[in-house]
Amino acid sequence: MLTFLVISHLATKFATGRWMSIESTVESSAYWSKSMQREGDVVSRIMLASRALSIAEAIEVETGLTLNGSALASIFDSNLRLDFSSVVTRDIYDRCHAYLLAVK
């Protein structure tokens, strides 16, 4: 879920010039949980959602990543699930994973 939210933040920033609102972050979190049939642990969802923006900001600063239309097309599959065959998706996932390991 963290990778999905970080990518959603980056895509929103490209499209609107602003990061996702809290409301949009909550909606994206709920969408992901429902689509993945993982609606149980609300506390974990809140924790991940609260960290997604700072990770997205760090990725933008460190890499200059711009998620334009073609980049987004490579990140998601036809069912709007993350496509881990994409180098960009894997890189963002790895950064999220490293962040979670560092905070434990």
Protein backbone atom coordinates (compact mmCIF):
# COMPACT_ATOMS: atom_id res chain seq x y z
CA MET A 1 0.00 0.00 0.00
CA LEU A 2 2.81 2.42 0.78
CA THR A 3 4.19 2.17 -2.75
CA PHE A 4 0.72 2.74 -4.21
CA LEU A 5 0.22 5.85 -2.06
CA VAL A 6 3.66 7.25 -2.85
CA ILE A 7 3.03 6.80 -6.57
CA SER A 8 -0.40 8.38 -6.17
CA HIS A 9 1.19 11.40 -4.48
CA LEU A 10 3.77 11.74 -7.26
CA ALA A 11 1.13 11.40 -9.98
CA THR A 12 -1.10 13.98 -8.29
CA LYS A 13 1.83 16.38 -7.97
CA PHE A 14 2.55 16.05 -11.69
CA ALA A 15 -1.10 16.49 -12.67
CA THR A 16 -2.04 19.34 -10.32
CA GLY A 17 1.18 20.85 -9.01
CA ARG A 18 0.14 19.88 -5.48
CA TRP A 19 0.37 16.79 -3.34
CA MET A 20 -2.72 14.71 -2.59
CA SER A 21 -4.99 16.09 0.10
CA ILE A 22 -5.58 14.15 3.28
CA GLU A 23 -9.03 13.24 1.99
CA SER A 24 -7.61 11.89 -1.28
CA THR A 25 -4.95 9.96 0.62
CA VAL A 26 -7.63 8.34 2.78
CA GLU A 27 -9.71 7.52 -0.32
CA SER A 28 -6.67 6.03 -2.08
CA SER A 29 -5.84 3.97 0.99
CA ALA A 30 -9.40 2.66 1.16
CA TYR A 31 -9.40 1.91 -2.59
CA TRP A 32 -6.15 -0.05 -2.32
CA SER A 33 -7.32 -1.99 0.74
CA LYS A 34 -10.61 -2.91 -0.88
CA SER A 35 -9.08 -3.88 -4.22
CA MET A 36 -6.47 -6.04 -2.49
CA GLN A 37 -9.02 -7.44 -0.02
CA ARG A 38 -6.95 -6.23 2.94
CA GLU A 39 -9.36 -4.08 4.86
CA GLY A 40 -8.47 -5.35 8.34
CA ASP A 41 -5.65 -3.41 9.97
CA VAL A 42 -6.78 0.22 10.08
CA VAL A 43 -3.90 1.31 12.34
CA SER A 44 -1.31 0.03 9.85
CA ARG A 45 -3.13 1.75 6.98
CA ILE A 46 -3.11 5.05 8.85
CA MET A 47 0.58 4.68 9.69
CA LEU A 48 1.51 3.99 6.08
CA ALA A 49 -0.73 6.73 4.72
CA SER A 50 0.80 9.26 7.10
CA ARG A 51 4.30 8.48 5.84
CA ALA A 52 3.58 8.36 2.11
CA LEU A 53 3.84 12.10 1.51
CA SER A 54 7.27 12.49 3.11
CA ILE A 55 8.60 9.56 1.08
CA ALA A 56 7.12 11.00 -2.13
CA GLU A 57 8.71 14.37 -1.37
CA ALA A 58 12.08 12.72 -0.76
CA ILE A 59 11.85 10.74 -4.01
CA GLU A 60 10.99 13.89 -5.95
CA VAL A 61 13.97 15.77 -4.46
CA GLU A 62 16.45 12.89 -4.79
CA THR A 63 15.52 11.69 -8.26
CA GLY A 64 13.61 14.49 -9.95
CA LEU A 65 11.08 11.83 -10.94
CA THR A 66 8.18 13.12 -13.00
CA LEU A 67 5.22 10.81 -13.40
CA ASN A 68 3.80 12.00 -16.70
CA GLY A 69 1.25 10.02 -18.70
CA SER A 70 3.69 7.58 -20.28
CA ALA A 71 5.46 6.95 -16.97
CA LEU A 72 2.13 6.28 -15.28
CA ALA A 73 1.11 3.91 -18.05
CA SER A 74 4.21 1.83 -17.32
CA ILE A 75 3.62 1.78 -13.56
CA PHE A 76 0.06 0.41 -13.53
CA ASP A 77 -1.34 -2.61 -15.32
CA SER A 78 -4.72 -2.66 -17.05
CA ASN A 79 -6.46 -3.34 -13.70
CA LEU A 80 -4.82 -0.30 -12.05
CA ARG A 81 -2.56 -2.52 -9.98
CA LEU A 82 1.13 -1.78 -9.64
CA ASP A 83 3.16 -3.41 -12.38
CA PHE A 84 6.37 -4.68 -10.79
CA SER A 85 7.91 -5.39 -14.17
CA SER A 86 8.33 -1.60 -14.38
CA VAL A 87 11.74 -0.32 -13.27
CA VAL A 88 10.12 2.81 -11.83
CA THR A 89 7.66 0.78 -9.75
CA ARG A 90 10.42 -1.45 -8.41
CA ASP A 91 12.61 1.55 -7.55
CA ILE A 92 9.81 3.26 -5.63
CA TYR A 93 8.96 -0.03 -3.91
CA ASP A 94 12.60 -0.50 -2.89
CA ARG A 95 12.72 3.03 -1.46
CA CYS A 96 9.52 2.41 0.51
CA HIS A 97 10.84 -0.91 1.77
CA ALA A 98 14.13 0.66 2.88
CA TYR A 99 12.21 3.40 4.69
CA LEU A 100 10.09 0.88 6.58
CA LEU A 101 13.16 -1.13 7.57
CA ALA A 102 14.83 2.02 8.88
CA VAL A 103 11.89 3.01 11.11
CA LYS A 104 11.50 -0.39 12.78
